[in-house]
Amino acid sequence: MGIRVPRRSTIALATAGALASTGTAYLGARNLLVGQAMHARTVIPKLSDASPRADGVYTQGGGPVQRWRRGVHFDLHLMMFGDSTATGYGCSSAEQVPGVLIARGLAEETGMRVRLSTKAIVGATSKGVCGQVDAMFVAGPPPDAAVIMIGANDITAGNGIGPSAARLGSVVRRLRASGAAVVVGTCPDLGVITAIPQPLRFLAHTRGVRLARAQAAVVAAAGGVPVPLGHLLAPKFREMPEVMFSADRYHPSAAAYALAADELLVALRDALGERLGSPTARPRSRSRTPANGRADMITQRWPRPATPVAVPAGG
């Protein structure tokens, strides 16, 4: 869910929760949470492959991506910022990566040539997103559209909710000031990860929900569009984890990325508005299909395994 594991930052999450304890229960709570974090690190495997890369120019009709180089024409530049979820960590092919799904969706609906550039880095926190945007402004002109997926690593690193949200808000303001349309997928619900035992999982859930709400407020205030991915997708993660999780039982699967990309695409298309071109080029407005309905279609493409996958017990 946006976290590269196993990682020592899980210990920081446990310690942050323990520090909230007081009195004689402090030591016991601290030992319990740290122990649970260490256990989670042992049962959650690390994916060995890097995220698929498929930056380039996408066109209507679903043809192969054209590698971008100076002089290659494009109509709209889309950049992806954030953590492992923005890179598609856990996907087996580039066509499953959320940035590719969004770029292809825009190209198909508008007829535009959409250039995709991925700036996101696995393991990034809100501090890392600030660095990604800094580097982007140094390297070249800003994009027409930016999608940010961030939050989970701020929770596991024990970063403060207020400062984490504030950093995200500053990034959105900078991008909006440059003229970019900005959509943010807010913090996922870490409470769906059963490999994290209770009560550590409950702590991760509550802090993640608080961060997502804070992110939504600052993103909207800065002129961006927040998309509550945790709220929208958590029910399906709980209902069919064998479909929604990748092989590490921690990061999203291709099916989950497809649902997230659909939500982000709808928001981005609306945020771009008139920039999508002439009335004949702009897609007709479509109503949002509830995430549950789209998930039903997803299971037709990624059916449940014939032999159920064992889900780690977490209490």
C-alpha atoms as a PDB file:
ATOM      1  CA  MET A   1       0.000   0.000   0.000  1.00  0.00           C
ATOM      2  CA  GLY A   2       2.743   2.374  -0.884  1.00  0.00           C
ATOM      3  CA  ILE A   3       5.370   0.880   1.438  1.00  0.00           C
ATOM      4  CA  ARG A   4       8.530  -0.966   0.486  1.00  0.00           C
ATOM      5  CA  VAL A   5       8.981  -3.762   2.978  1.00  0.00           C
ATOM      6  CA  PRO A   6      10.477  -5.143   5.076  1.00  0.00           C
ATOM      7  CA  ARG A   7      11.661  -1.776   6.402  1.00  0.00           C
ATOM      8  CA  ARG A   8      12.769  -0.325   9.694  1.00  0.00           C
ATOM      9  CA  SER A   9      10.171   2.414   9.447  1.00  0.00           C
ATOM     10  CA  THR A  10       7.579  -0.077  10.673  1.00  0.00           C
ATOM     11  CA  ILE A  11       9.408   0.063  13.995  1.00  0.00           C
ATOM     12  CA  ALA A  12       8.988   3.827  13.987  1.00  0.00           C
ATOM     13  CA  LEU A  13       5.233   3.349  13.648  1.00  0.00           C
ATOM     14  CA  ALA A  14       5.161   1.066  16.653  1.00  0.00           C
ATOM     15  CA  THR A  15       7.333   3.412  18.675  1.00  0.00           C
ATOM     16  CA  ALA A  16       5.170   6.400  17.790  1.00  0.00           C
ATOM     17  CA  GLY A  17       2.126   4.566  19.053  1.00  0.00           C
ATOM     18  CA  ALA A  18       3.898   3.484  22.202  1.00  0.00           C
ATOM     19  CA  LEU A  19       4.970   7.022  22.987  1.00  0.00           C
ATOM     20  CA  ALA A  20       1.301   7.929  23.230  1.00  0.00           C
ATOM     21  CA  SER A  21       1.014   5.590  26.217  1.00  0.00           C
ATOM     22  CA  THR A  22       1.495   6.909  29.734  1.00  0.00           C
ATOM     23  CA  GLY A  23       1.946   5.624  33.251  1.00  0.00           C
ATOM     24  CA  THR A  24       2.780   2.040  34.148  1.00  0.00           C
ATOM     25  CA  ALA A  25       1.360   0.730  30.867  1.00  0.00           C
ATOM     26  CA  TYR A  26       4.030   2.543  28.845  1.00  0.00           C
ATOM     27  CA  LEU A  27       6.695  -0.147  28.837  1.00  0.00           C
ATOM     28  CA  GLY A  28       4.274  -2.984  28.168  1.00  0.00           C
ATOM     29  CA  ALA A  29       2.571  -1.134  25.316  1.00  0.00           C
ATOM     30  CA  ARG A  30       5.893  -0.215  23.792  1.00  0.00           C
ATOM     31  CA  ASN A  31       7.190  -3.770  23.944  1.00  0.00           C
ATOM     32  CA  LEU A  32       3.962  -5.145  22.476  1.00  0.00           C
ATOM     33  CA  LEU A  33       3.871  -2.773  19.513  1.00  0.00           C
ATOM     34  CA  VAL A  34       7.570  -3.062  18.741  1.00  0.00           C
ATOM     35  CA  GLY A  35       7.286  -6.837  18.917  1.00  0.00           C
ATOM     36  CA  GLN A  36       4.318  -6.825  16.565  1.00  0.00           C
ATOM     37  CA  ALA A  37       6.165  -4.575  14.121  1.00  0.00           C
ATOM     38  CA  MET A  38       9.131  -6.937  14.108  1.00  0.00           C
ATOM     39  CA  HIS A  39       6.789  -9.873  13.508  1.00  0.00           C
ATOM     40  CA  ALA A  40       5.147  -8.066  10.584  1.00  0.00           C
ATOM     41  CA  ARG A  41       8.560  -7.575   9.003  1.00  0.00           C
ATOM     42  CA  THR A  42       9.182 -11.322   9.094  1.00  0.00           C
ATOM     43  CA  VAL A  43       5.883 -12.388   7.518  1.00  0.00           C
ATOM     44  CA  ILE A  44       5.675  -9.754   4.764  1.00  0.00           C
ATOM     45  CA  PRO A  45       8.029 -10.720   1.910  1.00  0.00           C
ATOM     46  CA  LYS A  46       9.863  -8.166  -0.178  1.00  0.00           C
ATOM     47  CA  LEU A  47       9.104  -8.023  -3.881  1.00  0.00           C
ATOM     48  CA  SER A  48      12.331  -8.521  -5.786  1.00  0.00           C
ATOM     49  CA  ASP A  49      11.504  -6.716  -9.005  1.00  0.00           C
ATOM     50  CA  ALA A  50      11.524  -2.971  -9.581  1.00  0.00           C
ATOM     51  CA  SER A  51       8.377  -1.223 -10.734  1.00  0.00           C
ATOM     52  CA  PRO A  52       7.758  -1.506 -14.490  1.00  0.00           C
ATOM     53  CA  ARG A  53       8.716   1.637 -16.359  1.00  0.00           C
ATOM     54  CA  ALA A  54       6.694   2.789 -19.326  1.00  0.00           C
ATOM     55  CA  ASP A  55       7.254   6.524 -19.659  1.00  0.00           C
ATOM     56  CA  GLY A  56       6.628   7.885 -23.119  1.00  0.00           C
ATOM     57  CA  VAL A  57       3.856   9.135 -25.379  1.00  0.00           C
ATOM     58  CA  TYR A  58       0.499   7.351 -25.494  1.00  0.00           C
ATOM     59  CA  THR A  59      -2.009   7.730 -28.304  1.00  0.00           C
ATOM     60  CA  GLN A  60      -5.598   6.830 -29.036  1.00  0.00           C
ATOM     61  CA  GLY A  61      -6.174   3.260 -30.139  1.00  0.00           C
ATOM     62  CA  GLY A  62      -3.996   1.479 -27.608  1.00  0.00           C
ATOM     63  CA  GLY A  63      -0.865   1.212 -29.725  1.00  0.00           C
ATOM     64  CA  PRO A  64       2.622   0.729 -28.290  1.00  0.00           C
ATOM     65  CA  VAL A  65       4.126   3.534 -26.247  1.00  0.00           C
ATOM     66  CA  GLN A  66       6.438   5.873 -28.145  1.00  0.00           C
ATOM     67  CA  ARG A  67       9.593   6.680 -26.227  1.00  0.00           C
ATOM     68  CA  TRP A  68       9.837  10.409 -25.788  1.00  0.00           C
ATOM     69  CA  ARG A  69      12.849  12.331 -26.991  1.00  0.00           C
ATOM     70  CA  ARG A  70      13.350  15.941 -27.909  1.00  0.00           C
ATOM     71  CA  GLY A  71      11.235  16.767 -30.924  1.00  0.00           C
ATOM     72  CA  VAL A  72       8.562  14.116 -30.312  1.00  0.00           C
ATOM     73  CA  HIS A  73       5.176  15.837 -30.293  1.00  0.00           C
ATOM     74  CA  PHE A  74       2.690  15.524 -27.446  1.00  0.00           C
ATOM     75  CA  ASP A  75      -0.454  17.440 -26.519  1.00  0.00           C
ATOM     76  CA  LEU A  76      -0.515  16.950 -22.760  1.00  0.00           C
ATOM     77  CA  HIS A  77       2.229  16.129 -20.258  1.00  0.00           C
ATOM     78  CA  LEU A  78       1.228  13.984 -17.267  1.00  0.00           C
ATOM     79  CA  MET A  79       3.602  13.489 -14.329  1.00  0.00           C
ATOM     80  CA  MET A  80       3.277  10.969 -11.522  1.00  0.00           C
ATOM     81  CA  PHE A  81       4.669  11.888  -8.098  1.00  0.00           C
ATOM     82  CA  GLY A  82       4.654  10.001  -4.824  1.00  0.00           C
ATOM     83  CA  ASP A  83       5.575   6.594  -3.437  1.00  0.00           C
ATOM     84  CA  SER A  84       5.536   2.997  -4.644  1.00  0.00           C
ATOM     85  CA  THR A  85       1.832   3.091  -5.489  1.00  0.00           C
ATOM     86  CA  ALA A  86       2.507   5.867  -7.997  1.00  0.00           C
ATOM     87  CA  THR A  87       5.232   3.736  -9.596  1.00  0.00           C
ATOM     88  CA  GLY A  88       3.046   0.635  -9.798  1.00  0.00           C
ATOM     89  CA  TYR A  89       5.215  -1.401  -7.429  1.00  0.00           C
ATOM     90  CA  GLY A  90       3.880  -4.950  -7.481  1.00  0.00           C
ATOM     91  CA  CYS A  91       2.694  -4.849 -11.101  1.00  0.00           C
ATOM     92  CA  SER A  92       4.041  -7.498 -13.467  1.00  0.00           C
ATOM     93  CA  SER A  93       3.831  -5.376 -16.623  1.00  0.00           C
ATOM     94  CA  ALA A  94       3.868  -1.707 -17.568  1.00  0.00           C
ATOM     95  CA  GLU A  95       0.296  -1.881 -18.837  1.00  0.00           C
ATOM     96  CA  GLN A  96      -0.883  -2.435 -15.234  1.00  0.00           C
ATOM     97  CA  VAL A  97       0.866   0.653 -13.822  1.00  0.00           C
ATOM     98  CA  PRO A  98      -1.546   3.410 -12.725  1.00  0.00           C
ATOM     99  CA  GLY A  99       0.289   6.128 -14.654  1.00  0.00           C
ATOM    100  CA  VAL A 100      -0.014   4.117 -17.854  1.00  0.00           C
ATOM    101  CA  LEU A 101      -3.696   3.410 -17.231  1.00  0.00           C
ATOM    102  CA  ILE A 102      -4.367   7.114 -16.668  1.00  0.00           C
ATOM    103  CA  ALA A 103      -2.322   8.206 -19.694  1.00  0.00           C
ATOM    104  CA  ARG A 104      -4.013   5.656 -21.946  1.00  0.00           C
ATOM    105  CA  GLY A 105      -7.406   6.641 -20.573  1.00  0.00           C
ATOM    106  CA  LEU A 106      -6.840  10.316 -21.352  1.00  0.00           C
ATOM    107  CA  ALA A 107      -5.507   9.520 -24.813  1.00  0.00           C
ATOM    108  CA  GLU A 108      -8.421   7.227 -25.608  1.00  0.00           C
ATOM    109  CA  GLU A 109     -11.092   9.629 -24.394  1.00  0.00           C
ATOM    110  CA  THR A 110      -9.656  12.797 -25.957  1.00  0.00           C
ATOM    111  CA  GLY A 111      -7.593  11.731 -28.961  1.00  0.00           C
ATOM    112  CA  MET A 112      -4.645  13.615 -27.479  1.00  0.00           C
ATOM    113  CA  ARG A 113      -1.057  12.452 -27.474  1.00  0.00           C
ATOM    114  CA  VAL A 114      -0.303  12.114 -23.766  1.00  0.00           C
ATOM    115  CA  ARG A 115       3.268  12.076 -22.500  1.00  0.00           C
ATOM    116  CA  LEU A 116       3.797  10.206 -19.217  1.00  0.00           C
ATOM    117  CA  SER A 117       6.734  10.992 -16.923  1.00  0.00           C
ATOM    118  CA  THR A 118       7.104   9.145 -13.624  1.00  0.00           C
ATOM    119  CA  LYS A 119       8.935  11.036 -10.872  1.00  0.00           C
ATOM    120  CA  ALA A 120       7.642   8.911  -7.993  1.00  0.00           C
ATOM    121  CA  ILE A 121      10.112   6.885  -5.912  1.00  0.00           C
ATOM    122  CA  VAL A 122       9.466   3.686  -3.964  1.00  0.00           C
ATOM    123  CA  GLY A 123       9.503   4.397  -0.230  1.00  0.00           C
ATOM    124  CA  ALA A 124       8.910   8.147  -0.552  1.00  0.00           C
ATOM    125  CA  THR A 125       7.240  10.185   2.185  1.00  0.00           C
ATOM    126  CA  SER A 126       5.779  13.685   1.878  1.00  0.00           C
ATOM    127  CA  LYS A 127       9.334  14.986   2.313  1.00  0.00           C
ATOM    128  CA  GLY A 128      10.348  12.922  -0.678  1.00  0.00           C
ATOM    129  CA  VAL A 129       7.539  14.354  -2.792  1.00  0.00           C
ATOM    130  CA  CYS A 130       8.857  17.837  -2.046  1.00  0.00           C
ATOM    131  CA  GLY A 131      12.218  16.686  -3.394  1.00  0.00           C
ATOM    132  CA  GLN A 132      10.630  15.145  -6.475  1.00  0.00           C
ATOM    133  CA  VAL A 133       8.899  18.410  -7.323  1.00  0.00           C
ATOM    134  CA  ASP A 134      12.061  20.430  -6.621  1.00  0.00           C
ATOM    135  CA  ALA A 135      13.985  18.218  -9.043  1.00  0.00           C
ATOM    136  CA  MET A 136      11.248  18.494 -11.653  1.00  0.00           C
ATOM    137  CA  PHE A 137      11.344  22.295 -11.645  1.00  0.00           C
ATOM    138  CA  VAL A 138      15.135  22.221 -12.031  1.00  0.00           C
ATOM    139  CA  ALA A 139      15.092  19.669 -14.843  1.00  0.00           C
ATOM    140  CA  GLY A 140      12.498  21.248 -17.077  1.00  0.00           C
ATOM    141  CA  PRO A 141       9.079  22.843 -17.502  1.00  0.00           C
ATOM    142  CA  PRO A 142       6.197  21.740 -15.275  1.00  0.00           C
ATOM    143  CA  PRO A 143       3.562  19.309 -16.539  1.00  0.00           C
ATOM    144  CA  ASP A 144       0.037  20.057 -17.664  1.00  0.00           C
ATOM    145  CA  ALA A 145      -1.277  17.531 -15.151  1.00  0.00           C
ATOM    146  CA  ALA A 146       0.111  15.961 -11.995  1.00  0.00           C
ATOM    147  CA  VAL A 147      -1.093  12.931 -10.061  1.00  0.00           C
ATOM    148  CA  ILE A 148       0.286  12.380  -6.553  1.00  0.00           C
ATOM    149  CA  MET A 149      -0.139   9.170  -4.530  1.00  0.00           C
ATOM    150  CA  ILE A 150       1.315   9.519  -1.039  1.00  0.00           C
ATOM    151  CA  GLY A 151       0.753   8.914   2.650  1.00  0.00           C
ATOM    152  CA  ALA A 152       1.471   5.335   3.715  1.00  0.00           C
ATOM    153  CA  ASN A 153       5.170   5.867   4.319  1.00  0.00           C
ATOM    154  CA  ASP A 154       4.499   8.943   6.430  1.00  0.00           C
ATOM    155  CA  ILE A 155       2.463   6.672   8.694  1.00  0.00           C
ATOM    156  CA  THR A 156       5.037   3.890   8.917  1.00  0.00           C
ATOM    157  CA  ALA A 157       7.855   6.398   9.415  1.00  0.00           C
ATOM    158  CA  GLY A 158       6.011   7.984  12.335  1.00  0.00           C
ATOM    159  CA  ASN A 159       5.888  11.403  10.659  1.00  0.00           C
ATOM    160  CA  GLY A 160       3.489  13.911  12.175  1.00  0.00           C
ATOM    161  CA  ILE A 161       0.101  14.141  10.513  1.00  0.00           C
ATOM    162  CA  GLY A 162       0.035  17.944  10.494  1.00  0.00           C
ATOM    163  CA  PRO A 163       3.523  18.430   9.032  1.00  0.00           C
ATOM    164  CA  SER A 164       3.010  15.639   6.482  1.00  0.00           C
ATOM    165  CA  ALA A 165      -0.218  17.201   5.251  1.00  0.00           C
ATOM    166  CA  ALA A 166       1.332  20.675   5.216  1.00  0.00           C
ATOM    167  CA  ARG A 167       4.206  19.493   3.026  1.00  0.00           C
ATOM    168  CA  LEU A 168       1.726  17.985   0.586  1.00  0.00           C
ATOM    169  CA  GLY A 169      -0.264  21.206   0.535  1.00  0.00           C
ATOM    170  CA  SER A 170       2.840  23.223  -0.330  1.00  0.00           C
ATOM    171  CA  VAL A 171       3.631  20.867  -3.212  1.00  0.00           C
ATOM    172  CA  VAL A 172       0.113  21.185  -4.602  1.00  0.00           C
ATOM    173  CA  ARG A 173       0.268  24.991  -4.356  1.00  0.00           C
ATOM    174  CA  ARG A 174       3.542  25.068  -6.287  1.00  0.00           C
ATOM    175  CA  LEU A 175       2.195  22.829  -9.020  1.00  0.00           C
ATOM    176  CA  ARG A 176      -1.054  24.767  -9.276  1.00  0.00           C
ATOM    177  CA  ALA A 177       0.865  28.059  -9.442  1.00  0.00           C
ATOM    178  CA  SER A 178       2.768  26.653 -12.424  1.00  0.00           C
ATOM    179  CA  GLY A 179      -0.528  25.993 -14.199  1.00  0.00           C
ATOM    180  CA  ALA A 180      -0.777  22.244 -13.663  1.00  0.00           C
ATOM    181  CA  ALA A 181      -4.004  20.461 -12.815  1.00  0.00           C
ATOM    182  CA  VAL A 182      -3.348  18.404  -9.678  1.00  0.00           C
ATOM    183  CA  VAL A 183      -5.073  15.283  -8.375  1.00  0.00           C
ATOM    184  CA  VAL A 184      -3.986  13.568  -5.156  1.00  0.00           C
ATOM    185  CA  GLY A 185      -4.736  10.009  -4.118  1.00  0.00           C
ATOM    186  CA  THR A 186      -4.734  10.361  -0.342  1.00  0.00           C
ATOM    187  CA  CYS A 187      -3.338   7.928   2.221  1.00  0.00           C
ATOM    188  CA  PRO A 188      -4.532   4.329   1.814  1.00  0.00           C
ATOM    189  CA  ASP A 189      -6.154   2.408   4.642  1.00  0.00           C
ATOM    190  CA  LEU A 190      -3.362   0.358   6.218  1.00  0.00           C
ATOM    191  CA  GLY A 191      -5.946  -1.403   8.350  1.00  0.00           C
ATOM    192  CA  VAL A 192      -6.667  -3.798   5.476  1.00  0.00           C
ATOM    193  CA  ILE A 193      -3.204  -5.375   5.745  1.00  0.00           C
ATOM    194  CA  THR A 194      -3.801  -8.441   7.885  1.00  0.00           C
ATOM    195  CA  ALA A 195      -0.081  -9.231   8.090  1.00  0.00           C
ATOM    196  CA  ILE A 196       0.085  -6.317  10.530  1.00  0.00           C
ATOM    197  CA  PRO A 197      -1.236  -7.715  13.832  1.00  0.00           C
ATOM    198  CA  GLN A 198      -3.629  -6.010  16.205  1.00  0.00           C
ATOM    199  CA  PRO A 199      -3.419  -3.553  17.924  1.00  0.00           C
ATOM    200  CA  LEU A 200      -0.676  -2.224  15.631  1.00  0.00           C
ATOM    201  CA  ARG A 201      -2.991  -2.560  12.647  1.00  0.00           C
ATOM    202  CA  PHE A 202      -5.678  -0.495  14.376  1.00  0.00           C
ATOM    203  CA  LEU A 203      -3.122   2.217  15.102  1.00  0.00           C
ATOM    204  CA  ALA A 204      -2.033   2.214  11.450  1.00  0.00           C
ATOM    205  CA  HIS A 205      -5.674   2.420  10.355  1.00  0.00           C
ATOM    206  CA  THR A 206      -6.622   5.320  12.617  1.00  0.00           C
ATOM    207  CA  ARG A 207      -3.527   7.360  11.820  1.00  0.00           C
ATOM    208  CA  GLY A 208      -3.961   6.679   8.113  1.00  0.00           C
ATOM    209  CA  VAL A 209      -7.566   7.869   8.187  1.00  0.00           C
ATOM    210  CA  ARG A 210      -6.543  11.017  10.060  1.00  0.00           C
ATOM    211  CA  LEU A 211      -3.785  11.722   7.556  1.00  0.00           C
ATOM    212  CA  ALA A 212      -6.107  11.160   4.588  1.00  0.00           C
ATOM    213  CA  ARG A 213      -8.579  13.676   6.000  1.00  0.00           C
ATOM    214  CA  ALA A 214      -5.846  16.222   6.647  1.00  0.00           C
ATOM    215  CA  GLN A 215      -4.463  15.674   3.157  1.00  0.00           C
ATOM    216  CA  ALA A 216      -7.878  16.177   1.576  1.00  0.00           C
ATOM    217  CA  ALA A 217      -8.313  19.497   3.368  1.00  0.00           C
ATOM    218  CA  VAL A 218      -4.934  20.955   2.384  1.00  0.00           C
ATOM    219  CA  VAL A 219      -5.130  19.675  -1.192  1.00  0.00           C
ATOM    220  CA  ALA A 220      -8.538  21.268  -1.735  1.00  0.00           C
ATOM    221  CA  ALA A 221      -7.376  24.518  -0.119  1.00  0.00           C
ATOM    222  CA  ALA A 222      -4.370  24.589  -2.451  1.00  0.00           C
ATOM    223  CA  GLY A 223      -6.528  24.168  -5.551  1.00  0.00           C
ATOM    224  CA  GLY A 224      -6.025  20.454  -6.110  1.00  0.00           C
ATOM    225  CA  VAL A 225      -8.516  17.603  -6.200  1.00  0.00           C
ATOM    226  CA  PRO A 226      -8.256  14.977  -3.435  1.00  0.00           C
ATOM    227  CA  VAL A 227      -9.367  11.405  -4.140  1.00  0.00           C
ATOM    228  CA  PRO A 228      -9.965   9.326  -0.962  1.00  0.00           C
ATOM    229  CA  LEU A 229      -8.507   6.053  -2.207  1.00  0.00           C
ATOM    230  CA  GLY A 230      -8.476   4.474   1.251  1.00  0.00           C
ATOM    231  CA  HIS A 231     -12.177   5.092   1.761  1.00  0.00           C
ATOM    232  CA  LEU A 232     -13.088   4.004  -1.764  1.00  0.00           C
ATOM    233  CA  LEU A 233     -11.027   0.827  -2.004  1.00  0.00           C
ATOM    234  CA  ALA A 234     -10.744  -0.538   1.546  1.00  0.00           C
ATOM    235  CA  PRO A 235     -14.053  -2.465   1.367  1.00  0.00           C
ATOM    236  CA  LYS A 236     -12.809  -4.462  -1.628  1.00  0.00           C
ATOM    237  CA  PHE A 237      -9.438  -5.130  -0.005  1.00  0.00           C
ATOM    238  CA  ARG A 238     -11.295  -6.641   2.941  1.00  0.00           C
ATOM    239  CA  GLU A 239     -13.760  -8.567   0.780  1.00  0.00           C
ATOM    240  CA  MET A 240     -11.303 -10.127  -1.668  1.00  0.00           C
ATOM    241  CA  PRO A 241      -7.710  -9.736  -0.500  1.00  0.00           C
ATOM    242  CA  GLU A 242      -6.569 -12.544  -2.789  1.00  0.00           C
ATOM    243  CA  VAL A 243      -7.524 -10.348  -5.764  1.00  0.00           C
ATOM    244  CA  MET A 244      -6.612  -6.906  -4.451  1.00  0.00           C
ATOM    245  CA  PHE A 245      -3.154  -7.615  -3.009  1.00  0.00           C
ATOM    246  CA  SER A 246       0.012  -8.434  -4.938  1.00  0.00           C
ATOM    247  CA  ALA A 247       2.185 -11.438  -4.153  1.00  0.00           C
ATOM    248  CA  ASP A 248       3.707  -9.800  -1.067  1.00  0.00           C
ATOM    249  CA  ARG A 249       0.224  -9.478   0.517  1.00  0.00           C
ATOM    250  CA  TYR A 250       1.091  -5.851   1.207  1.00  0.00           C
ATOM    251  CA  HIS A 251       1.170  -3.785  -1.976  1.00  0.00           C
ATOM    252  CA  PRO A 252      -1.797  -3.470  -4.365  1.00  0.00           C
ATOM    253  CA  SER A 253      -2.311  -5.916  -7.212  1.00  0.00           C
ATOM    254  CA  ALA A 254      -2.986  -5.045 -10.838  1.00  0.00           C
ATOM    255  CA  ALA A 255      -6.709  -5.243 -10.076  1.00  0.00           C
ATOM    256  CA  ALA A 256      -6.412  -2.751  -7.226  1.00  0.00           C
ATOM    257  CA  TYR A 257      -4.273  -0.409  -9.298  1.00  0.00           C
ATOM    258  CA  ALA A 258      -6.909  -0.494 -12.040  1.00  0.00           C
ATOM    259  CA  LEU A 259      -9.594   0.625  -9.591  1.00  0.00           C
ATOM    260  CA  ALA A 260      -7.380   3.382  -8.200  1.00  0.00           C
ATOM    261  CA  ALA A 261      -6.425   4.587 -11.675  1.00  0.00           C
ATOM    262  CA  ASP A 262     -10.078   4.777 -12.694  1.00  0.00           C
ATOM    263  CA  GLU A 263     -10.897   7.008  -9.723  1.00  0.00           C
ATOM    264  CA  LEU A 264      -7.886   9.222 -10.401  1.00  0.00           C
ATOM    265  CA  LEU A 265      -8.663   9.436 -14.125  1.00  0.00           C
ATOM    266  CA  VAL A 266     -12.204  10.666 -13.506  1.00  0.00           C
ATOM    267  CA  ALA A 267     -10.930  13.346 -11.130  1.00  0.00           C
ATOM    268  CA  LEU A 268      -8.092  14.382 -13.436  1.00  0.00           C
ATOM    269  CA  ARG A 269     -10.308  14.632 -16.479  1.00  0.00           C
ATOM    270  CA  ASP A 270     -12.668  16.917 -14.564  1.00  0.00           C
ATOM    271  CA  ALA A 271      -9.745  18.977 -13.211  1.00  0.00           C
ATOM    272  CA  LEU A 272      -8.317  19.486 -16.690  1.00  0.00           C
ATOM    273  CA  GLY A 273     -11.652  20.755 -17.975  1.00  0.00           C
ATOM    274  CA  GLU A 274     -11.317  22.921 -21.058  1.00  0.00           C
ATOM    275  CA  ARG A 275      -7.666  21.979 -21.504  1.00  0.00           C
ATOM    276  CA  LEU A 276      -8.808  18.669 -22.932  1.00  0.00           C
ATOM    277  CA  GLY A 277      -9.474  20.424 -26.219  1.00  0.00           C
ATOM    278  CA  SER A 278     -12.377  21.313 -28.443  1.00  0.00           C
ATOM    279  CA  PRO A 279     -15.925  20.166 -27.663  1.00  0.00           C
ATOM    280  CA  THR A 280     -15.555  17.393 -30.241  1.00  0.00           C
ATOM    281  CA  ALA A 281     -12.347  16.177 -28.615  1.00  0.00           C
ATOM    282  CA  ARG A 282     -13.547  16.353 -25.036  1.00  0.00           C
ATOM    283  CA  PRO A 283     -15.171  13.206 -23.683  1.00  0.00           C
ATOM    284  CA  ARG A 284     -18.785  13.321 -22.733  1.00  0.00           C
ATOM    285  CA  SER A 285     -19.245  13.498 -18.994  1.00  0.00           C
ATOM    286  CA  ARG A 286     -19.903  10.103 -17.473  1.00  0.00           C
ATOM    287  CA  SER A 287     -21.248   9.397 -14.061  1.00  0.00           C
ATOM    288  CA  ARG A 288     -19.020   7.754 -11.504  1.00  0.00           C
ATOM    289  CA  THR A 289     -19.599   4.041 -11.249  1.00  0.00           C
ATOM    290  CA  PRO A 290     -19.358   3.061  -7.594  1.00  0.00           C
ATOM    291  CA  ALA A 291     -16.067   1.394  -6.711  1.00  0.00           C
ATOM    292  CA  ASN A 292     -17.969  -1.751  -5.749  1.00  0.00           C
ATOM    293  CA  GLY A 293     -19.465  -1.994  -9.223  1.00  0.00           C
ATOM    294  CA  ARG A 294     -16.116  -1.535 -10.914  1.00  0.00           C
ATOM    295  CA  ALA A 295     -14.588  -4.116  -8.615  1.00  0.00           C
ATOM    296  CA  ASP A 296     -17.140  -6.638  -9.848  1.00  0.00           C
ATOM    297  CA  MET A 297     -15.896  -6.001 -13.375  1.00  0.00           C
ATOM    298  CA  ILE A 298     -12.306  -6.269 -12.157  1.00  0.00           C
ATOM    299  CA  THR A 299     -12.899  -9.766 -10.803  1.00  0.00           C
ATOM    300  CA  GLN A 300     -13.994 -10.849 -14.267  1.00  0.00           C
ATOM    301  CA  ARG A 301     -10.529  -9.897 -15.566  1.00  0.00           C
ATOM    302  CA  TRP A 302      -8.642 -11.112 -12.490  1.00  0.00           C
ATOM    303  CA  PRO A 303     -10.761 -13.978 -11.116  1.00  0.00           C
ATOM    304  CA  ARG A 304     -10.268 -15.266  -7.603  1.00  0.00           C
ATOM    305  CA  PRO A 305      -7.673 -18.045  -7.402  1.00  0.00           C
ATOM    306  CA  ALA A 306      -9.133 -21.552  -7.593  1.00  0.00           C
ATOM    307  CA  THR A 307      -7.133 -22.406  -4.486  1.00  0.00           C
ATOM    308  CA  PRO A 308      -7.570 -19.647  -1.905  1.00  0.00           C
ATOM    309  CA  VAL A 309      -4.396 -17.813  -0.983  1.00  0.00           C
ATOM    310  CA  ALA A 310      -3.640 -17.983   2.706  1.00  0.00           C
ATOM    311  CA  VAL A 311      -3.938 -14.589   4.344  1.00  0.00           C
ATOM    312  CA  PRO A 312      -1.621 -14.001   7.310  1.00  0.00           C
ATOM    313  CA  ALA A 313      -3.517 -13.973  10.570  1.00  0.00           C
ATOM    314  CA  GLY A 314      -3.464 -10.634  12.306  1.00  0.00           C
ATOM    315  CA  GLY A 315      -6.113 -10.749  14.980  1.00  0.00           C
END
